[in-house]
Amino acid sequence: MTDGIPQTPEPLTSLSRGQLHIIAVLQHHGQILAEIHQMVSPPETRDEPTLRDILGRIAEALDRQTTALDALTEQVNRISAAAEKDGPA
């Protein structure tokens, strides 16, 4: 009846001292390798702009365009007002 049921791994208490020692040594080596990797790897910095940076640039560009459009609108209004003063040519 137990043919279809996978067996669970042995609990650590049933392992021999040698097996426990090997597991401990391998875990220690893994920790040392992780520390070495962290020391020699370059820091994780992104040279690419973030979404916040891009949206900030877009907002600044829109502000500049709005300012330029306001200035152009003011100039057109002044030209129109001057043309109305002078009358038809």
PDB file of N, CA and C in Angstrom:
ATOM      1  N   MET A   1       0.802  -1.191   0.000  1.00  0.00           N
ATOM      2  CA  MET A   1       0.000   0.000   0.000  1.00  0.00           C
ATOM      3  C   MET A   1       0.849   1.261   0.000  1.00  0.00           C
ATOM      4  N   THR A   2       2.082   1.209   0.422  1.00  0.00           N
ATOM      5  CA  THR A   2       2.932   2.396   0.494  1.00  0.00           C
ATOM      6  C   THR A   2       3.737   2.600  -0.773  1.00  0.00           C
ATOM      7  N   ASP A   3       3.462   1.855  -1.842  1.00  0.00           N
ATOM      8  CA  ASP A   3       4.243   1.994  -3.069  1.00  0.00           C
ATOM      9  C   ASP A   3       4.035   3.358  -3.728  1.00  0.00           C
ATOM     10  N   GLY A   4       2.837   3.928  -3.701  1.00  0.00           N
ATOM     11  CA  GLY A   4       2.557   5.192  -4.356  1.00  0.00           C
ATOM     12  C   GLY A   4       2.861   6.404  -3.504  1.00  0.00           C
ATOM     13  N   ILE A   5       3.159   6.232  -2.238  1.00  0.00           N
ATOM     14  CA  ILE A   5       3.404   7.350  -1.329  1.00  0.00           C
ATOM     15  C   ILE A   5       4.905   7.624  -1.276  1.00  0.00           C
ATOM     16  N   PRO A   6       5.328   8.857  -1.621  1.00  0.00           N
ATOM     17  CA  PRO A   6       6.765   9.153  -1.530  1.00  0.00           C
ATOM     18  C   PRO A   6       7.224   9.158  -0.078  1.00  0.00           C
ATOM     19  N   GLN A   7       8.439   8.699   0.111  1.00  0.00           N
ATOM     20  CA  GLN A   7       8.980   8.655   1.471  1.00  0.00           C
ATOM     21  C   GLN A   7       9.515  10.028   1.849  1.00  0.00           C
ATOM     22  N   THR A   8       9.305  10.391   3.078  1.00  0.00           N
ATOM     23  CA  THR A   8       9.815  11.666   3.573  1.00  0.00           C
ATOM     24  C   THR A   8      11.287  11.511   3.910  1.00  0.00           C
ATOM     25  N   PRO A   9      12.069  12.597   3.797  1.00  0.00           N
ATOM     26  CA  PRO A   9      13.492  12.494   4.141  1.00  0.00           C
ATOM     27  C   PRO A   9      13.673  12.182   5.619  1.00  0.00           C
ATOM     28  N   GLU A  10      14.815  11.624   5.899  1.00  0.00           N
ATOM     29  CA  GLU A  10      15.115  11.272   7.292  1.00  0.00           C
ATOM     30  C   GLU A  10      15.249  12.539   8.129  1.00  0.00           C
ATOM     31  N   PRO A  11      14.749  12.537   9.340  1.00  0.00           N
ATOM     32  CA  PRO A  11      14.973  13.699  10.209  1.00  0.00           C
ATOM     33  C   PRO A  11      16.449  13.793  10.581  1.00  0.00           C
ATOM     34  N   LEU A  12      16.879  14.999  10.899  1.00  0.00           N
ATOM     35  CA  LEU A  12      18.297  15.213  11.217  1.00  0.00           C
ATOM     36  C   LEU A  12      18.761  14.363  12.394  1.00  0.00           C
ATOM     37  N   THR A  13      17.879  14.037  13.297  1.00  0.00           N
ATOM     38  CA  THR A  13      18.293  13.260  14.472  1.00  0.00           C
ATOM     39  C   THR A  13      18.713  11.848  14.099  1.00  0.00           C
ATOM     40  N   SER A  14      18.231  11.328  12.964  1.00  0.00           N
ATOM     41  CA  SER A  14      18.599   9.964  12.585  1.00  0.00           C
ATOM     42  C   SER A  14      19.870   9.924  11.740  1.00  0.00           C
ATOM     43  N   LEU A  15      20.436  11.077  11.407  1.00  0.00           N
ATOM     44  CA  LEU A  15      21.676  11.103  10.632  1.00  0.00           C
ATOM     45  C   LEU A  15      22.862  10.828  11.545  1.00  0.00           C
ATOM     46  N   SER A  16      23.896  10.268  10.953  1.00  0.00           N
ATOM     47  CA  SER A  16      25.094   9.979  11.742  1.00  0.00           C
ATOM     48  C   SER A  16      25.866  11.262  12.005  1.00  0.00           C
ATOM     49  N   ARG A  17      26.795  11.183  12.937  1.00  0.00           N
ATOM     50  CA  ARG A  17      27.618  12.364  13.258  1.00  0.00           C
ATOM     51  C   ARG A  17      28.409  12.796  12.037  1.00  0.00           C
ATOM     52  N   GLY A  18      28.874  11.843  11.256  1.00  0.00           N
ATOM     53  CA  GLY A  18      29.634  12.166  10.046  1.00  0.00           C
ATOM     54  C   GLY A  18      28.794  12.923   9.038  1.00  0.00           C
ATOM     55  N   GLN A  19      27.558  12.485   8.850  1.00  0.00           N
ATOM     56  CA  GLN A  19      26.666  13.167   7.922  1.00  0.00           C
ATOM     57  C   GLN A  19      26.339  14.576   8.411  1.00  0.00           C
ATOM     58  N   LEU A  20      26.105  14.718   9.697  1.00  0.00           N
ATOM     59  CA  LEU A  20      25.838  16.045  10.261  1.00  0.00           C
ATOM     60  C   LEU A  20      27.043  16.958  10.100  1.00  0.00           C
ATOM     61  N   HIS A  21      28.237  16.403  10.279  1.00  0.00           N
ATOM     62  CA  HIS A  21      29.462  17.195  10.117  1.00  0.00           C
ATOM     63  C   HIS A  21      29.602  17.658   8.664  1.00  0.00           C
ATOM     64  N   ILE A  22      29.331  16.757   7.722  1.00  0.00           N
ATOM     65  CA  ILE A  22      29.427  17.119   6.304  1.00  0.00           C
ATOM     66  C   ILE A  22      28.424  18.223   5.973  1.00  0.00           C
ATOM     67  N   ILE A  23      27.204  18.107   6.476  1.00  0.00           N
ATOM     68  CA  ILE A  23      26.189  19.137   6.232  1.00  0.00           C
ATOM     69  C   ILE A  23      26.632  20.474   6.817  1.00  0.00           C
ATOM     70  N   ALA A  24      27.188  20.455   8.019  1.00  0.00           N
ATOM     71  CA  ALA A  24      27.645  21.690   8.667  1.00  0.00           C
ATOM     72  C   ALA A  24      28.786  22.321   7.883  1.00  0.00           C
ATOM     73  N   VAL A  25      29.736  21.499   7.416  1.00  0.00           N
ATOM     74  CA  VAL A  25      30.875  22.018   6.651  1.00  0.00           C
ATOM     75  C   VAL A  25      30.397  22.614   5.331  1.00  0.00           C
ATOM     76  N   LEU A  26      29.492  21.923   4.641  1.00  0.00           N
ATOM     77  CA  LEU A  26      28.975  22.445   3.376  1.00  0.00           C
ATOM     78  C   LEU A  26      28.212  23.755   3.584  1.00  0.00           C
ATOM     79  N   GLN A  27      27.461  23.842   4.654  1.00  0.00           N
ATOM     80  CA  GLN A  27      26.740  25.076   4.947  1.00  0.00           C
ATOM     81  C   GLN A  27      27.720  26.212   5.238  1.00  0.00           C
ATOM     82  N   HIS A  28      28.775  25.917   5.976  1.00  0.00           N
ATOM     83  CA  HIS A  28      29.800  26.921   6.278  1.00  0.00           C
ATOM     84  C   HIS A  28      30.489  27.381   4.990  1.00  0.00           C
ATOM     85  N   HIS A  29      30.813  26.429   4.108  1.00  0.00           N
ATOM     86  CA  HIS A  29      31.445  26.796   2.831  1.00  0.00           C
ATOM     87  C   HIS A  29      30.506  27.675   2.006  1.00  0.00           C
ATOM     88  N   GLY A  30      29.219  27.353   2.022  1.00  0.00           N
ATOM     89  CA  GLY A  30      28.253  28.173   1.293  1.00  0.00           C
ATOM     90  C   GLY A  30      28.194  29.594   1.823  1.00  0.00           C
ATOM     91  N   GLN A  31      28.265  29.749   3.135  1.00  0.00           N
ATOM     92  CA  GLN A  31      28.253  31.085   3.733  1.00  0.00           C
ATOM     93  C   GLN A  31      29.508  31.861   3.347  1.00  0.00           C
ATOM     94  N   ILE A  32      30.654  31.186   3.367  1.00  0.00           N
ATOM     95  CA  ILE A  32      31.913  31.844   2.996  1.00  0.00           C
ATOM     96  C   ILE A  32      31.869  32.275   1.535  1.00  0.00           C
ATOM     97  N   LEU A  33      31.376  31.389   0.655  1.00  0.00           N
ATOM     98  CA  LEU A  33      31.273  31.749  -0.761  1.00  0.00           C
ATOM     99  C   LEU A  33      30.329  32.931  -0.965  1.00  0.00           C
ATOM    100  N   ALA A  34      29.239  32.971  -0.229  1.00  0.00           N
ATOM    101  CA  ALA A  34      28.305  34.096  -0.339  1.00  0.00           C
ATOM    102  C   ALA A  34      28.970  35.399   0.102  1.00  0.00           C
ATOM    103  N   GLU A  35      29.765  35.351   1.170  1.00  0.00           N
ATOM    104  CA  GLU A  35      30.469  36.548   1.640  1.00  0.00           C
ATOM    105  C   GLU A  35      31.507  37.002   0.623  1.00  0.00           C
ATOM    106  N   ILE A  36      32.250  36.053   0.040  1.00  0.00           N
ATOM    107  CA  ILE A  36      33.250  36.400  -0.978  1.00  0.00           C
ATOM    108  C   ILE A  36      32.557  37.019  -2.187  1.00  0.00           C
ATOM    109  N   HIS A  37      31.467  36.420  -2.613  1.00  0.00           N
ATOM    110  CA  HIS A  37      30.726  36.947  -3.762  1.00  0.00           C
ATOM    111  C   HIS A  37      30.253  38.373  -3.492  1.00  0.00           C
ATOM    112  N   GLN A  38      29.792  38.622  -2.293  1.00  0.00           N
ATOM    113  CA  GLN A  38      29.321  39.961  -1.936  1.00  0.00           C
ATOM    114  C   GLN A  38      30.473  40.964  -1.937  1.00  0.00           C
ATOM    115  N   MET A  39      31.665  40.518  -1.505  1.00  0.00           N
ATOM    116  CA  MET A  39      32.818  41.432  -1.452  1.00  0.00           C
ATOM    117  C   MET A  39      33.339  41.776  -2.842  1.00  0.00           C
ATOM    118  N   VAL A  40      33.344  40.818  -3.773  1.00  0.00           N
ATOM    119  CA  VAL A  40      33.954  41.059  -5.079  1.00  0.00           C
ATOM    120  C   VAL A  40      32.959  41.548  -6.120  1.00  0.00           C
ATOM    121  N   SER A  41      31.672  41.446  -5.846  1.00  0.00           N
ATOM    122  CA  SER A  41      30.670  41.898  -6.806  1.00  0.00           C
ATOM    123  C   SER A  41      30.537  43.410  -6.726  1.00  0.00           C
ATOM    124  N   PRO A  42      30.343  44.046  -7.880  1.00  0.00           N
ATOM    125  CA  PRO A  42      30.137  45.497  -7.844  1.00  0.00           C
ATOM    126  C   PRO A  42      28.807  45.803  -7.170  1.00  0.00           C
ATOM    127  N   PRO A  43      28.717  46.971  -6.573  1.00  0.00           N
ATOM    128  CA  PRO A  43      27.451  47.327  -5.929  1.00  0.00           C
ATOM    129  C   PRO A  43      26.333  47.397  -6.968  1.00  0.00           C
ATOM    130  N   GLU A  44      25.155  47.092  -6.522  1.00  0.00           N
ATOM    131  CA  GLU A  44      24.014  47.095  -7.431  1.00  0.00           C
ATOM    132  C   GLU A  44      23.502  48.517  -7.590  1.00  0.00           C
ATOM    133  N   THR A  45      24.036  49.192  -8.595  1.00  0.00           N
ATOM    134  CA  THR A  45      23.563  50.536  -8.907  1.00  0.00           C
ATOM    135  C   THR A  45      23.006  50.511 -10.312  1.00  0.00           C
ATOM    136  N   ARG A  46      22.013  51.329 -10.520  1.00  0.00           N
ATOM    137  CA  ARG A  46      21.403  51.381 -11.834  1.00  0.00           C
ATOM    138  C   ARG A  46      21.814  52.683 -12.501  1.00  0.00           C
ATOM    139  N   ASP A  47      22.393  52.548 -13.688  1.00  0.00           N
ATOM    140  CA  ASP A  47      22.756  53.733 -14.446  1.00  0.00           C
ATOM    141  C   ASP A  47      21.550  54.288 -15.199  1.00  0.00           C
ATOM    142  N   GLU A  48      20.531  53.460 -15.340  1.00  0.00           N
ATOM    143  CA  GLU A  48      19.353  53.870 -16.072  1.00  0.00           C
ATOM    144  C   GLU A  48      18.450  54.710 -15.174  1.00  0.00           C
ATOM    145  N   PRO A  49      17.762  55.683 -15.767  1.00  0.00           N
ATOM    146  CA  PRO A  49      16.850  56.484 -14.944  1.00  0.00           C
ATOM    147  C   PRO A  49      15.663  55.645 -14.487  1.00  0.00           C
ATOM    148  N   THR A  50      15.159  55.977 -13.336  1.00  0.00           N
ATOM    149  CA  THR A  50      13.986  55.278 -12.809  1.00  0.00           C
ATOM    150  C   THR A  50      12.727  55.882 -13.430  1.00  0.00           C
ATOM    151  N   LEU A  51      11.620  55.246 -13.211  1.00  0.00           N
ATOM    152  CA  LEU A  51      10.349  55.757 -13.724  1.00  0.00           C
ATOM    153  C   LEU A  51      10.056  57.135 -13.141  1.00  0.00           C
ATOM    154  N   ARG A  52      10.408  57.326 -11.875  1.00  0.00           N
ATOM    155  CA  ARG A  52      10.203  58.631 -11.233  1.00  0.00           C
ATOM    156  C   ARG A  52      11.032  59.713 -11.934  1.00  0.00           C
ATOM    157  N   ASP A  53      12.294  59.374 -12.301  1.00  0.00           N
ATOM    158  CA  ASP A  53      13.141  60.332 -13.013  1.00  0.00           C
ATOM    159  C   ASP A  53      12.533  60.707 -14.364  1.00  0.00           C
ATOM    160  N   ILE A  54      12.073  59.693 -15.089  1.00  0.00           N
ATOM    161  CA  ILE A  54      11.502  59.934 -16.415  1.00  0.00           C
ATOM    162  C   ILE A  54      10.245  60.795 -16.312  1.00  0.00           C
ATOM    163  N   LEU A  55       9.369  60.466 -15.365  1.00  0.00           N
ATOM    164  CA  LEU A  55       8.150  61.260 -15.200  1.00  0.00           C
ATOM    165  C   LEU A  55       8.472  62.685 -14.761  1.00  0.00           C
ATOM    166  N   GLY A  56       9.512  62.849 -13.944  1.00  0.00           N
ATOM    167  CA  GLY A  56       9.938  64.186 -13.534  1.00  0.00           C
ATOM    168  C   GLY A  56      10.418  65.006 -14.718  1.00  0.00           C
ATOM    169  N   ARG A  57      11.183  64.370 -15.603  1.00  0.00           N
ATOM    170  CA  ARG A  57      11.659  65.070 -16.807  1.00  0.00           C
ATOM    171  C   ARG A  57      10.499  65.463 -17.709  1.00  0.00           C
ATOM    172  N   ILE A  58       9.534  64.549 -17.846  1.00  0.00           N
ATOM    173  CA  ILE A  58       8.363  64.861 -18.670  1.00  0.00           C
ATOM    174  C   ILE A  58       7.604  66.043 -18.077  1.00  0.00           C
ATOM    175  N   ALA A  59       7.429  66.062 -16.766  1.00  0.00           N
ATOM    176  CA  ALA A  59       6.721  67.164 -16.107  1.00  0.00           C
ATOM    177  C   ALA A  59       7.466  68.479 -16.303  1.00  0.00           C
ATOM    178  N   GLU A  60       8.792  68.457 -16.187  1.00  0.00           N
ATOM    179  CA  GLU A  60       9.581  69.673 -16.400  1.00  0.00           C
ATOM    180  C   GLU A  60       9.450  70.158 -17.840  1.00  0.00           C
ATOM    181  N   ALA A  61       9.484  69.228 -18.798  1.00  0.00           N
ATOM    182  CA  ALA A  61       9.345  69.608 -20.204  1.00  0.00           C
ATOM    183  C   ALA A  61       7.967  70.211 -20.465  1.00  0.00           C
ATOM    184  N   LEU A  62       6.939  69.637 -19.852  1.00  0.00           N
ATOM    185  CA  LEU A  62       5.592  70.199 -20.008  1.00  0.00           C
ATOM    186  C   LEU A  62       5.505  71.593 -19.409  1.00  0.00           C
ATOM    187  N   ASP A  63       6.149  71.808 -18.274  1.00  0.00           N
ATOM    188  CA  ASP A  63       6.166  73.148 -17.670  1.00  0.00           C
ATOM    189  C   ASP A  63       6.844  74.150 -18.597  1.00  0.00           C
ATOM    190  N   ARG A  64       7.981  73.746 -19.182  1.00  0.00           N
ATOM    191  CA  ARG A  64       8.687  74.650 -20.104  1.00  0.00           C
ATOM    192  C   ARG A  64       7.832  74.945 -21.333  1.00  0.00           C
ATOM    193  N   GLN A  65       7.159  73.923 -21.856  1.00  0.00           N
ATOM    194  CA  GLN A  65       6.303  74.128 -23.028  1.00  0.00           C
ATOM    195  C   GLN A  65       5.120  75.028 -22.693  1.00  0.00           C
ATOM    196  N   THR A  66       4.563  74.866 -21.505  1.00  0.00           N
ATOM    197  CA  THR A  66       3.451  75.717 -21.080  1.00  0.00           C
ATOM    198  C   THR A  66       3.903  77.165 -20.972  1.00  0.00           C
ATOM    199  N   THR A  67       5.081  77.383 -20.417  1.00  0.00           N
ATOM    200  CA  THR A  67       5.627  78.739 -20.298  1.00  0.00           C
ATOM    201  C   THR A  67       5.860  79.347 -21.678  1.00  0.00           C
ATOM    202  N   ALA A  68       6.430  78.555 -22.589  1.00  0.00           N
ATOM    203  CA  ALA A  68       6.672  79.048 -23.945  1.00  0.00           C
ATOM    204  C   ALA A  68       5.354  79.341 -24.658  1.00  0.00           C
ATOM    205  N   LEU A  69       4.362  78.479 -24.476  1.00  0.00           N
ATOM    206  CA  LEU A  69       3.059  78.694 -25.103  1.00  0.00           C
ATOM    207  C   LEU A  69       2.387  79.947 -24.550  1.00  0.00           C
ATOM    208  N   ASP A  70       2.508  80.171 -23.250  1.00  0.00           N
ATOM    209  CA  ASP A  70       1.951  81.389 -22.647  1.00  0.00           C
ATOM    210  C   ASP A  70       2.608  82.632 -23.235  1.00  0.00           C
ATOM    211  N   ALA A  71       3.927  82.576 -23.414  1.00  0.00           N
ATOM    212  CA  ALA A  71       4.641  83.724 -23.984  1.00  0.00           C
ATOM    213  C   ALA A  71       4.198  83.967 -25.427  1.00  0.00           C
ATOM    214  N   LEU A  72       4.052  82.897 -26.204  1.00  0.00           N
ATOM    215  CA  LEU A  72       3.602  83.051 -27.593  1.00  0.00           C
ATOM    216  C   LEU A  72       2.174  83.589 -27.657  1.00  0.00           C
ATOM    217  N   THR A  73       1.312  83.112 -26.780  1.00  0.00           N
ATOM    218  CA  THR A  73      -0.078  83.589 -26.741  1.00  0.00           C
ATOM    219  C   THR A  73      -0.120  85.074 -26.418  1.00  0.00           C
ATOM    220  N   GLU A  74       0.716  85.492 -25.484  1.00  0.00           N
ATOM    221  CA  GLU A  74       0.780  86.915 -25.120  1.00  0.00           C
ATOM    222  C   GLU A  74       1.246  87.748 -26.310  1.00  0.00           C
ATOM    223  N   GLN A  75       2.236  87.264 -27.041  1.00  0.00           N
ATOM    224  CA  GLN A  75       2.726  87.999 -28.212  1.00  0.00           C
ATOM    225  C   GLN A  75       1.649  88.095 -29.293  1.00  0.00           C
ATOM    226  N   VAL A  76       0.939  86.999 -29.527  1.00  0.00           N
ATOM    227  CA  VAL A  76      -0.131  87.007 -30.535  1.00  0.00           C
ATOM    228  C   VAL A  76      -1.223  87.982 -30.119  1.00  0.00           C
ATOM    229  N   ASN A  77      -1.573  87.993 -28.839  1.00  0.00           N
ATOM    230  CA  ASN A  77      -2.601  88.926 -28.359  1.00  0.00           C
ATOM    231  C   ASN A  77      -2.158  90.374 -28.538  1.00  0.00           C
ATOM    232  N   ARG A  78      -0.876  90.652 -28.269  1.00  0.00           N
ATOM    233  CA  ARG A  78      -0.371  92.028 -28.458  1.00  0.00           C
ATOM    234  C   ARG A  78      -0.407  92.414 -29.929  1.00  0.00           C
ATOM    235  N   ILE A  79      -0.029  91.482 -30.798  1.00  0.00           N
ATOM    236  CA  ILE A  79      -0.048  91.777 -32.240  1.00  0.00           C
ATOM    237  C   ILE A  79      -1.481  92.013 -32.708  1.00  0.00           C
ATOM    238  N   SER A  80      -2.390  91.176 -32.222  1.00  0.00           N
ATOM    239  CA  SER A  80      -3.808  91.340 -32.602  1.00  0.00           C
ATOM    240  C   SER A  80      -4.352  92.673 -32.099  1.00  0.00           C
ATOM    241  N   ALA A  81      -4.011  93.041 -30.868  1.00  0.00           N
ATOM    242  CA  ALA A  81      -4.475  94.313 -30.302  1.00  0.00           C
ATOM    243  C   ALA A  81      -3.898  95.485 -31.085  1.00  0.00           C
ATOM    244  N   ALA A  82      -2.637  95.392 -31.466  1.00  0.00           N
ATOM    245  CA  ALA A  82      -2.010  96.472 -32.233  1.00  0.00           C
ATOM    246  C   ALA A  82      -2.640  96.571 -33.615  1.00  0.00           C
ATOM    247  N   ALA A  83      -2.968  95.431 -34.212  1.00  0.00           N
ATOM    248  CA  ALA A  83      -3.580  95.444 -35.544  1.00  0.00           C
ATOM    249  C   ALA A  83      -4.973  96.059 -35.486  1.00  0.00           C
ATOM    250  N   GLU A  84      -5.710  95.803 -34.412  1.00  0.00           N
ATOM    251  CA  GLU A  84      -7.047  96.379 -34.276  1.00  0.00           C
ATOM    252  C   GLU A  84      -6.974  97.891 -34.078  1.00  0.00           C
ATOM    253  N   LYS A  85      -5.934  98.361 -33.369  1.00  0.00           N
ATOM    254  CA  LYS A  85      -5.761  99.805 -33.145  1.00  0.00           C
ATOM    255  C   LYS A  85      -5.479 100.524 -34.452  1.00  0.00           C
ATOM    256  N   ASP A  86      -4.611  99.908 -35.249  1.00  0.00           N
ATOM    257  CA  ASP A  86      -4.210 100.550 -36.500  1.00  0.00           C
ATOM    258  C   ASP A  86      -5.342 100.524 -37.527  1.00  0.00           C
ATOM    259  N   GLY A  87      -6.258  99.647 -37.386  1.00  0.00           N
ATOM    260  CA  GLY A  87      -7.371  99.563 -38.330  1.00  0.00           C
ATOM    261  C   GLY A  87      -6.968  98.795 -39.576  1.00  0.00           C
ATOM    262  N   PRO A  88      -7.903  98.660 -40.486  1.00  0.00           N
ATOM    263  CA  PRO A  88      -7.602  97.913 -41.715  1.00  0.00           C
ATOM    264  C   PRO A  88      -6.611  98.688 -42.573  1.00  0.00           C
ATOM    265  N   ALA A  89      -5.750  97.937 -43.204  1.00  0.00           N
ATOM    266  CA  ALA A  89      -4.713  98.573 -44.018  1.00  0.00           C
ATOM    267  C   ALA A  89      -5.161  98.850 -45.408  1.00  0.00           C
TER     268      ALA A  89
END
